[in-house]
C-alpha atoms as a PDB file:
ATOM      1  CA  UNK A   1       0.266  -0.002  -0.259  1.00  0.00           C
ATOM      2  CA  UNK A   2       1.162   3.371  -0.239  1.00  0.00           C
ATOM      3  CA  UNK A   3       0.928   5.275   3.131  1.00  0.00           C
ATOM      4  CA  UNK A   4      -0.965   8.488   3.081  1.00  0.00           C
ATOM      5  CA  UNK A   5       0.914  10.589   3.650  1.00  0.00           C
ATOM      6  CA  UNK A   6       2.910   9.999   0.986  1.00  0.00           C
ATOM      7  CA  UNK A   7       0.188  10.563  -1.354  1.00  0.00           C
ATOM      8  CA  UNK A   8      -0.498  14.256   0.002  1.00  0.00           C
ATOM      9  CA  UNK A   9       3.058  14.980  -0.167  1.00  0.00           C
ATOM     10  CA  UNK A  10       2.938  13.911  -3.830  1.00  0.00           C
ATOM     11  CA  UNK A  11      -0.394  16.293  -5.045  1.00  0.00           C
ATOM     12  CA  UNK A  12       1.400  19.692  -2.828  1.00  0.00           C
ATOM     13  CA  UNK A  13       4.350  18.931  -4.661  1.00  0.00           C
ATOM     14  CA  UNK A  14       3.751  17.754  -7.859  1.00  0.00           C
ATOM     15  CA  UNK A  15       0.299  18.990  -8.862  1.00  0.00           C
ATOM     16  CA  UNK A  16       0.604  22.273  -6.573  1.00  0.00           C
ATOM     17  CA  UNK A  17      -2.602  21.408  -4.182  1.00  0.00           C
ATOM     18  CA  UNK A  18      -3.280  23.214  -0.639  1.00  0.00           C
ATOM     19  CA  UNK A  19      -3.186  20.279   1.834  1.00  0.00           C
ATOM     20  CA  UNK A  20      -7.190  20.197   2.674  1.00  0.00           C
ATOM     21  CA  UNK A  21      -7.613  20.066  -1.555  1.00  0.00           C
ATOM     22  CA  UNK A  22      -4.440  17.027  -1.159  1.00  0.00           C
ATOM     23  CA  UNK A  23      -6.605  15.124   1.268  1.00  0.00           C
ATOM     24  CA  UNK A  24      -9.742  15.780  -0.587  1.00  0.00           C
ATOM     25  CA  UNK A  25      -8.251  13.694  -3.325  1.00  0.00           C
ATOM     26  CA  UNK A  26      -6.275  11.188  -1.161  1.00  0.00           C
ATOM     27  CA  UNK A  27      -9.477  10.443   0.471  1.00  0.00           C
ATOM     28  CA  UNK A  28     -11.095  10.232  -3.158  1.00  0.00           C
ATOM     29  CA  UNK A  29      -8.641   7.914  -4.146  1.00  0.00           C
ATOM     30  CA  UNK A  30      -9.041   5.971  -1.509  1.00  0.00           C
ATOM     31  CA  UNK A  31     -12.773   6.007  -1.197  1.00  0.00           C
ATOM     32  CA  UNK A  32     -13.489   6.112  -4.542  1.00  0.00           C
ATOM     33  CA  UNK A  33     -10.341   4.378  -6.978  1.00  0.00           C
ATOM     34  CA  UNK A  34      -9.682   7.605  -8.544  1.00  0.00           C
ATOM     35  CA  UNK A  35      -9.525  11.150  -8.047  1.00  0.00           C
ATOM     36  CA  UNK A  36      -8.871  14.690  -9.998  1.00  0.00           C
ATOM     37  CA  UNK A  37      -4.922  16.185  -9.722  1.00  0.00           C
ATOM     38  CA  UNK A  38      -5.816  18.712 -12.196  1.00  0.00           C
ATOM     39  CA  UNK A  39      -6.040  19.872 -16.202  1.00  0.00           C
ATOM     40  CA  UNK A  40      -2.583  19.608 -18.520  1.00  0.00           C
ATOM     41  CA  UNK A  41      -1.989  19.781 -21.790  1.00  0.00           C
ATOM     42  CA  UNK A  42      -0.993  16.296 -22.613  1.00  0.00           C
ATOM     43  CA  UNK A  43       3.069  17.435 -22.469  1.00  0.00           C
ATOM     44  CA  UNK A  44       2.955  18.132 -18.372  1.00  0.00           C
ATOM     45  CA  UNK A  45       0.216  15.583 -17.661  1.00  0.00           C
ATOM     46  CA  UNK A  46       3.064  13.149 -19.111  1.00  0.00           C
ATOM     47  CA  UNK A  47       6.029  14.472 -17.318  1.00  0.00           C
ATOM     48  CA  UNK A  48       3.766  14.507 -14.399  1.00  0.00           C
ATOM     49  CA  UNK A  49       3.143  11.067 -14.583  1.00  0.00           C
ATOM     50  CA  UNK A  50       5.900   9.995 -14.851  1.00  0.00           C
ATOM     51  CA  UNK A  51       7.775  12.372 -11.789  1.00  0.00           C
ATOM     52  CA  UNK A  52       5.145  10.806  -9.248  1.00  0.00           C
ATOM     53  CA  UNK A  53       5.358   7.081 -10.828  1.00  0.00           C
ATOM     54  CA  UNK A  54       9.468   7.383 -10.535  1.00  0.00           C
ATOM     55  CA  UNK A  55       9.352   8.691  -6.971  1.00  0.00           C
ATOM     56  CA  UNK A  56       6.979   5.622  -6.243  1.00  0.00           C
ATOM     57  CA  UNK A  57       9.122   3.326  -7.053  1.00  0.00           C
ATOM     58  CA  UNK A  58      12.290   4.909  -5.274  1.00  0.00           C
ATOM     59  CA  UNK A  59       9.982   4.554  -1.604  1.00  0.00           C
ATOM     60  CA  UNK A  60       8.972   1.411  -3.879  1.00  0.00           C
ATOM     61  CA  UNK A  61       5.289   2.393  -2.916  1.00  0.00           C
ATOM     62  CA  UNK A  62       2.483   1.211  -5.770  1.00  0.00           C
ATOM     63  CA  UNK A  63       1.374   4.460  -6.358  1.00  0.00           C
ATOM     64  CA  UNK A  64      -0.429   4.993 -10.324  1.00  0.00           C
ATOM     65  CA  UNK A  65      -0.721   8.245 -11.492  1.00  0.00           C
ATOM     66  CA  UNK A  66      -2.831   8.664 -15.103  1.00  0.00           C
ATOM     67  CA  UNK A  67      -4.021  10.538 -17.407  1.00  0.00           C
ATOM     68  CA  UNK A  68      -7.083  10.543 -18.984  1.00  0.00           C
ATOM     69  CA  UNK A  69      -8.240  12.402 -22.285  1.00  0.00           C
ATOM     70  CA  UNK A  70     -11.061  14.845 -21.100  1.00  0.00           C
END
């Protein structure tokens, strides 16, 4: 599992979410399986997905971040 504090930190760092919003998104993921971190152009979204995945791997967490087309 991925610790909730780690997920909140990722949301704050990579998606510039304020703490309260990061907690809300983390809880959406926890309860519903996914949450919206933001809306970005394809290039920026791909970069953020890669950065989150790399950090999660470095910390041995199975955190999954993906982008979806609107």
